[in-house]
PDB file of N, CA and C in Angstrom:
ATOM      1  N   MET A   1      -6.283   6.384  -5.175  1.00  0.00           N
ATOM      2  CA  MET A   1      -5.755   7.922  -6.404  1.00  0.00           C
ATOM      3  C   MET A   1      -5.001   5.471  -7.046  1.00  0.00           C
ATOM      4  N   PRO A   2      -5.184   5.942  -8.309  1.00  0.00           N
ATOM      5  CA  PRO A   2      -4.610   4.659  -9.072  1.00  0.00           C
ATOM      6  C   PRO A   2      -2.472   5.612  -8.646  1.00  0.00           C
ATOM      7  N   PRO A   3      -2.121   4.887  -9.404  1.00  0.00           N
ATOM      8  CA  PRO A   3      -0.889   4.917  -9.466  1.00  0.00           C
ATOM      9  C   PRO A   3      -0.587   6.169 -11.269  1.00  0.00           C
ATOM     10  N   THR A   4       0.661   6.535 -11.587  1.00  0.00           N
ATOM     11  CA  THR A   4       0.507   7.511 -12.755  1.00  0.00           C
ATOM     12  C   THR A   4       1.638   6.337 -13.099  1.00  0.00           C
ATOM     13  N   HIS A   5       2.765   5.486 -12.654  1.00  0.00           N
ATOM     14  CA  HIS A   5       3.182   4.407 -13.563  1.00  0.00           C
ATOM     15  C   HIS A   5       4.778   5.352 -14.242  1.00  0.00           C
ATOM     16  N   ALA A   6       5.258   6.318 -13.370  1.00  0.00           N
ATOM     17  CA  ALA A   6       6.718   6.820 -13.904  1.00  0.00           C
ATOM     18  C   ALA A   6       7.166   5.770 -13.135  1.00  0.00           C
ATOM     19  N   ARG A   7       8.779   6.828 -13.070  1.00  0.00           N
ATOM     20  CA  ARG A   7       9.875   5.951 -13.612  1.00  0.00           C
ATOM     21  C   ARG A   7      10.586   5.573 -11.799  1.00  0.00           C
ATOM     22  N   SER A   8       9.914   6.587 -11.420  1.00  0.00           N
ATOM     23  CA  SER A   8      10.490   6.590  -9.624  1.00  0.00           C
ATOM     24  C   SER A   8       8.886   6.500  -8.898  1.00  0.00           C
ATOM     25  N   ILE A   9       9.331   6.511  -7.379  1.00  0.00           N
ATOM     26  CA  ILE A   9       8.551   6.423  -6.553  1.00  0.00           C
ATOM     27  C   ILE A   9       9.211   7.206  -5.579  1.00  0.00           C
ATOM     28  N   ARG A  10       8.889   8.382  -5.026  1.00  0.00           N
ATOM     29  CA  ARG A  10       9.160   8.953  -3.322  1.00  0.00           C
ATOM     30  C   ARG A  10       8.467   9.423  -2.331  1.00  0.00           C
ATOM     31  N   LEU A  11       9.120   8.823  -1.447  1.00  0.00           N
ATOM     32  CA  LEU A  11       8.211   7.790  -0.686  1.00  0.00           C
ATOM     33  C   LEU A  11       8.799   8.914   0.835  1.00  0.00           C
ATOM     34  N   LEU A  12       7.736   9.304   1.447  1.00  0.00           N
ATOM     35  CA  LEU A  12       8.132  10.375   2.773  1.00  0.00           C
ATOM     36  C   LEU A  12       7.407  10.168   3.898  1.00  0.00           C
ATOM     37  N   PRO A  13       8.324  10.257   5.243  1.00  0.00           N
ATOM     38  CA  PRO A  13       7.696  10.217   6.115  1.00  0.00           C
ATOM     39  C   PRO A  13       6.312  10.867   6.356  1.00  0.00           C
ATOM     40  N   GLU A  14       6.319  12.567   5.574  1.00  0.00           N
ATOM     41  CA  GLU A  14       5.032  13.226   6.372  1.00  0.00           C
ATOM     42  C   GLU A  14       5.444  13.787   4.885  1.00  0.00           C
ATOM     43  N   LEU A  15       3.965  14.187   4.304  1.00  0.00           N
ATOM     44  CA  LEU A  15       3.587  15.075   3.619  1.00  0.00           C
ATOM     45  C   LEU A  15       2.878  16.272   4.259  1.00  0.00           C
ATOM     46  N   ARG A  16       4.370  17.944   3.228  1.00  0.00           N
ATOM     47  CA  ARG A  16       4.084  19.057   3.944  1.00  0.00           C
ATOM     48  C   ARG A  16       3.068  19.654   2.291  1.00  0.00           C
ATOM     49  N   ALA A  17       2.984  20.626   2.706  1.00  0.00           N
ATOM     50  CA  ALA A  17       2.283  22.031   1.442  1.00  0.00           C
ATOM     51  C   ALA A  17       2.957  22.010   0.843  1.00  0.00           C
ATOM     52  N   VAL A  18       4.548  21.958   0.819  1.00  0.00           N
ATOM     53  CA  VAL A  18       5.485  22.426  -0.042  1.00  0.00           C
ATOM     54  C   VAL A  18       6.088  21.127  -0.729  1.00  0.00           C
ATOM     55  N   HIS A  19       5.599  19.914  -0.549  1.00  0.00           N
ATOM     56  CA  HIS A  19       6.149  19.090  -1.547  1.00  0.00           C
ATOM     57  C   HIS A  19       5.115  19.107  -2.713  1.00  0.00           C
ATOM     58  N   LEU A  20       3.916  19.197  -2.392  1.00  0.00           N
ATOM     59  CA  LEU A  20       2.782  19.374  -3.367  1.00  0.00           C
ATOM     60  C   LEU A  20       3.080  20.595  -4.437  1.00  0.00           C
ATOM     61  N   GLU A  21       3.829  21.991  -3.735  1.00  0.00           N
ATOM     62  CA  GLU A  21       4.261  23.205  -4.131  1.00  0.00           C
ATOM     63  C   GLU A  21       4.788  22.666  -5.405  1.00  0.00           C
ATOM     64  N   ARG A  22       6.429  22.018  -4.922  1.00  0.00           N
ATOM     65  CA  ARG A  22       6.781  21.406  -5.930  1.00  0.00           C
ATOM     66  C   ARG A  22       7.161  20.982  -6.690  1.00  0.00           C
ATOM     67  N   LEU A  23       5.982  19.568  -6.711  1.00  0.00           N
ATOM     68  CA  LEU A  23       5.469  18.715  -7.837  1.00  0.00           C
ATOM     69  C   LEU A  23       5.984  19.068  -9.013  1.00  0.00           C
ATOM     70  N   PRO A  24       5.133  20.045  -9.474  1.00  0.00           N
ATOM     71  CA  PRO A  24       5.202  20.886 -11.274  1.00  0.00           C
ATOM     72  C   PRO A  24       6.418  20.473 -11.489  1.00  0.00           C
ATOM     73  N   VAL A  25       7.628  21.038 -10.604  1.00  0.00           N
ATOM     74  CA  VAL A  25       9.115  21.630 -11.076  1.00  0.00           C
ATOM     75  C   VAL A  25       9.802  20.119 -10.561  1.00  0.00           C
ATOM     76  N   THR A  26       9.561  19.345 -10.466  1.00  0.00           N
ATOM     77  CA  THR A  26      10.122  17.987 -10.063  1.00  0.00           C
ATOM     78  C   THR A  26      10.111  17.002 -10.896  1.00  0.00           C
ATOM     79  N   ALA A  27      11.263  16.220 -10.787  1.00  0.00           N
ATOM     80  CA  ALA A  27      10.889  15.016 -11.741  1.00  0.00           C
ATOM     81  C   ALA A  27       9.504  13.950 -11.919  1.00  0.00           C
ATOM     82  N   PRO A  28       9.500  13.664 -12.157  1.00  0.00           N
ATOM     83  CA  PRO A  28       8.100  13.121 -12.415  1.00  0.00           C
ATOM     84  C   PRO A  28       8.354  11.767 -11.435  1.00  0.00           C
ATOM     85  N   ALA A  29       7.176  11.469 -10.547  1.00  0.00           N
ATOM     86  CA  ALA A  29       7.882  10.291  -9.705  1.00  0.00           C
ATOM     87  C   ALA A  29       6.356  10.524  -8.808  1.00  0.00           C
ATOM     88  N   ASP A  30       5.672   9.336  -8.697  1.00  0.00           N
ATOM     89  CA  ASP A  30       4.232   8.772  -7.974  1.00  0.00           C
ATOM     90  C   ASP A  30       4.486   9.052  -6.623  1.00  0.00           C
ATOM     91  N   VAL A  31       4.473   9.516  -6.157  1.00  0.00           N
ATOM     92  CA  VAL A  31       4.539   9.908  -3.852  1.00  0.00           C
ATOM     93  C   VAL A  31       3.729   9.391  -3.143  1.00  0.00           C
ATOM     94  N   LEU A  32       4.726   8.971  -2.691  1.00  0.00           N
ATOM     95  CA  LEU A  32       3.605   7.337  -1.652  1.00  0.00           C
ATOM     96  C   LEU A  32       4.113   8.563  -0.080  1.00  0.00           C
ATOM     97  N   PHE A  33       3.254   8.430   1.005  1.00  0.00           N
ATOM     98  CA  PHE A  33       3.690   8.951   2.612  1.00  0.00           C
ATOM     99  C   PHE A  33       3.150   8.332   3.048  1.00  0.00           C
ATOM    100  N   PHE A  34       3.946   8.576   4.715  1.00  0.00           N
ATOM    101  CA  PHE A  34       2.715   7.745   5.567  1.00  0.00           C
ATOM    102  C   PHE A  34       1.740   8.688   5.877  1.00  0.00           C
ATOM    103  N   GLN A  35       2.278   9.894   7.162  1.00  0.00           N
ATOM    104  CA  GLN A  35       1.270  10.506   7.760  1.00  0.00           C
ATOM    105  C   GLN A  35       1.239  12.153   7.478  1.00  0.00           C
ATOM    106  N   THR A  36       0.221  13.549   6.552  1.00  0.00           N
ATOM    107  CA  THR A  36       0.633  14.284   7.049  1.00  0.00           C
ATOM    108  C   THR A  36       0.554  14.915   7.758  1.00  0.00           C
ATOM    109  N   LYS A  37       1.367  16.294   7.358  1.00  0.00           N
ATOM    110  CA  LYS A  37       1.614  17.486   8.899  1.00  0.00           C
ATOM    111  C   LYS A  37       0.445  18.422   8.060  1.00  0.00           C
ATOM    112  N   TYR A  38       0.319  19.189   9.277  1.00  0.00           N
ATOM    113  CA  TYR A  38      -0.281  20.190  10.241  1.00  0.00           C
ATOM    114  C   TYR A  38      -0.901  21.550   8.841  1.00  0.00           C
ATOM    115  N   ASP A  39       0.084  21.610   7.976  1.00  0.00           N
ATOM    116  CA  ASP A  39       0.347  22.969   7.207  1.00  0.00           C
ATOM    117  C   ASP A  39      -0.223  22.334   5.726  1.00  0.00           C
ATOM    118  N   LEU A  40      -0.778  20.695   5.724  1.00  0.00           N
ATOM    119  CA  LEU A  40      -1.890  20.413   4.569  1.00  0.00           C
ATOM    120  C   LEU A  40      -3.331  21.294   4.138  1.00  0.00           C
ATOM    121  N   GLY A  41      -2.782  20.955   5.709  1.00  0.00           N
ATOM    122  CA  GLY A  41      -4.547  21.335   5.322  1.00  0.00           C
ATOM    123  C   GLY A  41      -5.718  20.616   4.839  1.00  0.00           C
ATOM    124  N   ASP A  42      -6.543  21.120   4.033  1.00  0.00           N
ATOM    125  CA  ASP A  42      -7.525  19.449   3.350  1.00  0.00           C
ATOM    126  C   ASP A  42      -7.356  20.040   1.986  1.00  0.00           C
ATOM    127  N   ALA A  43      -6.328  20.244   1.616  1.00  0.00           N
ATOM    128  CA  ALA A  43      -5.950  20.470   0.250  1.00  0.00           C
ATOM    129  C   ALA A  43      -6.230  19.026  -0.576  1.00  0.00           C
ATOM    130  N   PRO A  44      -6.506  19.112  -1.848  1.00  0.00           N
ATOM    131  CA  PRO A  44      -6.715  17.969  -2.569  1.00  0.00           C
ATOM    132  C   PRO A  44      -5.376  17.310  -3.502  1.00  0.00           C
ATOM    133  N   LEU A  45      -5.022  15.986  -3.623  1.00  0.00           N
ATOM    134  CA  LEU A  45      -4.310  15.447  -3.679  1.00  0.00           C
ATOM    135  C   LEU A  45      -3.749  15.470  -4.976  1.00  0.00           C
ATOM    136  N   PRO A  46      -3.049  14.907  -5.825  1.00  0.00           N
ATOM    137  CA  PRO A  46      -2.957  15.173  -6.854  1.00  0.00           C
ATOM    138  C   PRO A  46      -3.199  13.959  -7.532  1.00  0.00           C
ATOM    139  N   ALA A  47      -3.029  13.694  -8.724  1.00  0.00           N
ATOM    140  CA  ALA A  47      -2.500  11.595  -8.950  1.00  0.00           C
ATOM    141  C   ALA A  47      -1.873  11.365  -8.936  1.00  0.00           C
ATOM    142  N   GLY A  48      -1.965  10.656  -8.419  1.00  0.00           N
ATOM    143  CA  GLY A  48       0.268   9.673  -8.063  1.00  0.00           C
ATOM    144  C   GLY A  48       0.364  10.236  -6.601  1.00  0.00           C
ATOM    145  N   VAL A  49      -0.658  10.686  -5.591  1.00  0.00           N
ATOM    146  CA  VAL A  49      -0.273  11.198  -4.776  1.00  0.00           C
ATOM    147  C   VAL A  49      -1.056  10.723  -3.465  1.00  0.00           C
ATOM    148  N   ARG A  50       0.001   9.648  -2.669  1.00  0.00           N
ATOM    149  CA  ARG A  50      -1.338   8.633  -1.851  1.00  0.00           C
ATOM    150  C   ARG A  50      -0.994   8.590  -0.731  1.00  0.00           C
ATOM    151  N   ARG A  51      -1.386   8.180   0.666  1.00  0.00           N
ATOM    152  CA  ARG A  51      -1.517   7.683   1.951  1.00  0.00           C
ATOM    153  C   ARG A  51      -1.081   6.448   1.833  1.00  0.00           C
ATOM    154  N   VAL A  52       0.041   5.844   2.279  1.00  0.00           N
ATOM    155  CA  VAL A  52       0.323   4.052   2.624  1.00  0.00           C
ATOM    156  C   VAL A  52       0.753   3.459   4.096  1.00  0.00           C
ATOM    157  N   THR A  53       0.400   2.810   3.956  1.00  0.00           N
ATOM    158  CA  THR A  53       1.287   1.765   5.404  1.00  0.00           C
ATOM    159  C   THR A  53       2.558   1.147   4.404  1.00  0.00           C
ATOM    160  N   LEU A  54       3.494   1.185   5.717  1.00  0.00           N
ATOM    161  CA  LEU A  54       4.563   0.877   5.515  1.00  0.00           C
ATOM    162  C   LEU A  54       4.721  -0.797   4.173  1.00  0.00           C
ATOM    163  N   ALA A  55       3.208  -1.460   4.340  1.00  0.00           N
ATOM    164  CA  ALA A  55       3.403  -3.101   3.824  1.00  0.00           C
ATOM    165  C   ALA A  55       2.833  -2.086   1.982  1.00  0.00           C
ATOM    166  N   GLY A  56       2.060  -0.859   1.816  1.00  0.00           N
ATOM    167  CA  GLY A  56       1.490  -0.452   1.229  1.00  0.00           C
ATOM    168  C   GLY A  56       2.360  -0.492   0.381  1.00  0.00           C
ATOM    169  N   ALA A  57       3.600   0.455   1.132  1.00  0.00           N
ATOM    170  CA  ALA A  57       4.840   1.081  -0.035  1.00  0.00           C
ATOM    171  C   ALA A  57       5.503   0.066   0.019  1.00  0.00           C
ATOM    172  N   VAL A  58       5.676  -0.548   0.602  1.00  0.00           N
ATOM    173  CA  VAL A  58       6.683  -1.660  -0.296  1.00  0.00           C
ATOM    174  C   VAL A  58       6.066  -2.917  -1.232  1.00  0.00           C
ATOM    175  N   ARG A  59       4.400  -3.024  -1.417  1.00  0.00           N
ATOM    176  CA  ARG A  59       3.391  -3.654  -2.220  1.00  0.00           C
ATOM    177  C   ARG A  59       3.471  -2.424  -3.561  1.00  0.00           C
ATOM    178  N   ALA A  60       3.473  -1.340  -3.986  1.00  0.00           N
ATOM    179  CA  ALA A  60       3.654  -0.215  -4.571  1.00  0.00           C
ATOM    180  C   ALA A  60       4.813  -0.372  -5.472  1.00  0.00           C
ATOM    181  N   PHE A  61       5.654  -0.158  -4.088  1.00  0.00           N
ATOM    182  CA  PHE A  61       7.032  -0.486  -5.670  1.00  0.00           C
ATOM    183  C   PHE A  61       7.359  -1.368  -6.034  1.00  0.00           C
ATOM    184  N   TRP A  62       7.172  -2.479  -5.651  1.00  0.00           N
ATOM    185  CA  TRP A  62       7.024  -4.337  -5.788  1.00  0.00           C
ATOM    186  C   TRP A  62       6.616  -4.396  -7.106  1.00  0.00           C
ATOM    187  N   ARG A  63       4.602  -3.727  -7.920  1.00  0.00           N
ATOM    188  CA  ARG A  63       4.056  -3.990  -8.459  1.00  0.00           C
ATOM    189  C   ARG A  63       4.149  -2.819  -9.644  1.00  0.00           C
ATOM    190  N   SER A  64       5.248  -2.120  -9.160  1.00  0.00           N
ATOM    191  CA  SER A  64       5.295  -0.725 -10.361  1.00  0.00           C
ATOM    192  C   SER A  64       6.741  -0.279 -11.461  1.00  0.00           C
ATOM    193  N   PRO A  65       6.382  -0.312 -12.243  1.00  0.00           N
ATOM    194  CA  PRO A  65       7.621  -0.298 -13.631  1.00  0.00           C
ATOM    195  C   PRO A  65       9.002   0.324 -12.022  1.00  0.00           C
ATOM    196  N   ALA A  66       8.131   1.272 -11.648  1.00  0.00           N
ATOM    197  CA  ALA A  66       9.428   2.493 -10.821  1.00  0.00           C
ATOM    198  C   ALA A  66      10.589   1.698 -10.693  1.00  0.00           C
ATOM    199  N   GLU A  67      11.832   2.634 -11.320  1.00  0.00           N
ATOM    200  CA  GLU A  67      13.025   1.938 -10.896  1.00  0.00           C
ATOM    201  C   GLU A  67      14.115   2.784 -10.289  1.00  0.00           C
ATOM    202  N   ARG A  68      13.555   3.973  -9.580  1.00  0.00           N
ATOM    203  CA  ARG A  68      14.516   4.103  -8.288  1.00  0.00           C
ATOM    204  C   ARG A  68      13.161   4.674  -7.216  1.00  0.00           C
ATOM    205  N   LEU A  69      13.520   4.590  -6.122  1.00  0.00           N
ATOM    206  CA  LEU A  69      13.380   4.685  -4.873  1.00  0.00           C
ATOM    207  C   LEU A  69      13.886   5.245  -4.102  1.00  0.00           C
ATOM    208  N   GLU A  70      13.260   7.045  -4.171  1.00  0.00           N
ATOM    209  CA  GLU A  70      13.284   8.220  -3.741  1.00  0.00           C
ATOM    210  C   GLU A  70      13.234   8.350  -2.070  1.00  0.00           C
ATOM    211  N   MET A  71      14.440   9.096  -1.128  1.00  0.00           N
ATOM    212  CA  MET A  71      13.577   9.312  -0.075  1.00  0.00           C
ATOM    213  C   MET A  71      14.921   9.907   0.705  1.00  0.00           C
ATOM    214  N   PRO A  72      14.112  10.919   0.980  1.00  0.00           N
ATOM    215  CA  PRO A  72      14.500  12.525   1.525  1.00  0.00           C
ATOM    216  C   PRO A  72      15.734  12.594   2.340  1.00  0.00           C
ATOM    217  N   GLU A  73      16.392  11.229   3.149  1.00  0.00           N
ATOM    218  CA  GLU A  73      17.321  10.765   3.693  1.00  0.00           C
ATOM    219  C   GLU A  73      17.457   9.908   4.504  1.00  0.00           C
ATOM    220  N   PRO A  74      18.244   8.911   4.490  1.00  0.00           N
ATOM    221  CA  PRO A  74      18.246   7.872   4.779  1.00  0.00           C
ATOM    222  C   PRO A  74      18.006   7.534   6.505  1.00  0.00           C
ATOM    223  N   LEU A  75      18.604   8.355   7.236  1.00  0.00           N
ATOM    224  CA  LEU A  75      18.523   8.859   8.686  1.00  0.00           C
ATOM    225  C   LEU A  75      16.614   8.337   8.877  1.00  0.00           C
ATOM    226  N   TRP A  76      15.968   8.888   7.959  1.00  0.00           N
ATOM    227  CA  TRP A  76      14.730   9.522   8.399  1.00  0.00           C
ATOM    228  C   TRP A  76      13.742   7.257   8.725  1.00  0.00           C
ATOM    229  N   MET A  77      15.138   6.089   8.449  1.00  0.00           N
ATOM    230  CA  MET A  77      14.058   5.169   8.665  1.00  0.00           C
ATOM    231  C   MET A  77      14.309   4.576   9.816  1.00  0.00           C
ATOM    232  N   ARG A  78      14.399   5.877  11.026  1.00  0.00           N
ATOM    233  CA  ARG A  78      14.690   5.559  12.180  1.00  0.00           C
ATOM    234  C   ARG A  78      13.055   5.202  12.493  1.00  0.00           C
ATOM    235  N   PHE A  79      11.889   6.119  11.976  1.00  0.00           N
ATOM    236  CA  PHE A  79      10.648   6.183  11.924  1.00  0.00           C
ATOM    237  C   PHE A  79      10.222   5.017  11.328  1.00  0.00           C
ATOM    238  N   LEU A  80      10.431   4.291  10.826  1.00  0.00           N
ATOM    239  CA  LEU A  80       9.781   2.971  10.065  1.00  0.00           C
ATOM    240  C   LEU A  80       9.188   1.982  11.108  1.00  0.00           C
ATOM    241  N   PRO A  81       9.654   2.123  12.081  1.00  0.00           N
ATOM    242  CA  PRO A  81       8.905   0.719  13.245  1.00  0.00           C
ATOM    243  C   PRO A  81       8.115   1.338  13.874  1.00  0.00           C
ATOM    244  N   ALA A  82       8.093   2.338  13.931  1.00  0.00           N
ATOM    245  CA  ALA A  82       6.517   3.342  14.243  1.00  0.00           C
ATOM    246  C   ALA A  82       5.278   3.537  13.566  1.00  0.00           C
ATOM    247  N   GLN A  83       5.351   2.679  12.100  1.00  0.00           N
ATOM    248  CA  GLN A  83       4.555   3.163  11.148  1.00  0.00           C
ATOM    249  C   GLN A  83       3.882   1.480  10.966  1.00  0.00           C
ATOM    250  N   PRO A  84       2.176   1.411  10.838  1.00  0.00           N
ATOM    251  CA  PRO A  84       1.406   0.814  10.911  1.00  0.00           C
ATOM    252  C   PRO A  84       1.884  -0.670  10.022  1.00  0.00           C
ATOM    253  N   PHE A  85       1.451  -1.627  10.125  1.00  0.00           N
ATOM    254  CA  PHE A  85       2.392  -2.598   8.896  1.00  0.00           C
ATOM    255  C   PHE A  85       0.856  -2.430   8.125  1.00  0.00           C
TER     256      PHE A  85
END
């Protein structure tokens, strides 16, 4: 799925159904995630929402015109060592 070239990238450790529900009312951003939660089911992912590895997230941010990297909270960074590169 190609990026939408938003000015922000929203990085989520886990994509949940609520993230997709809130997309229309949040600031435009490409959404990158590492894992999905059970509540997501087989919901199709809209444009600009894609699963990445840690290296893929770094690469996506580096290559994008985004000016901001949004994360839900800094403390979830403790999960990064468990992510495949």
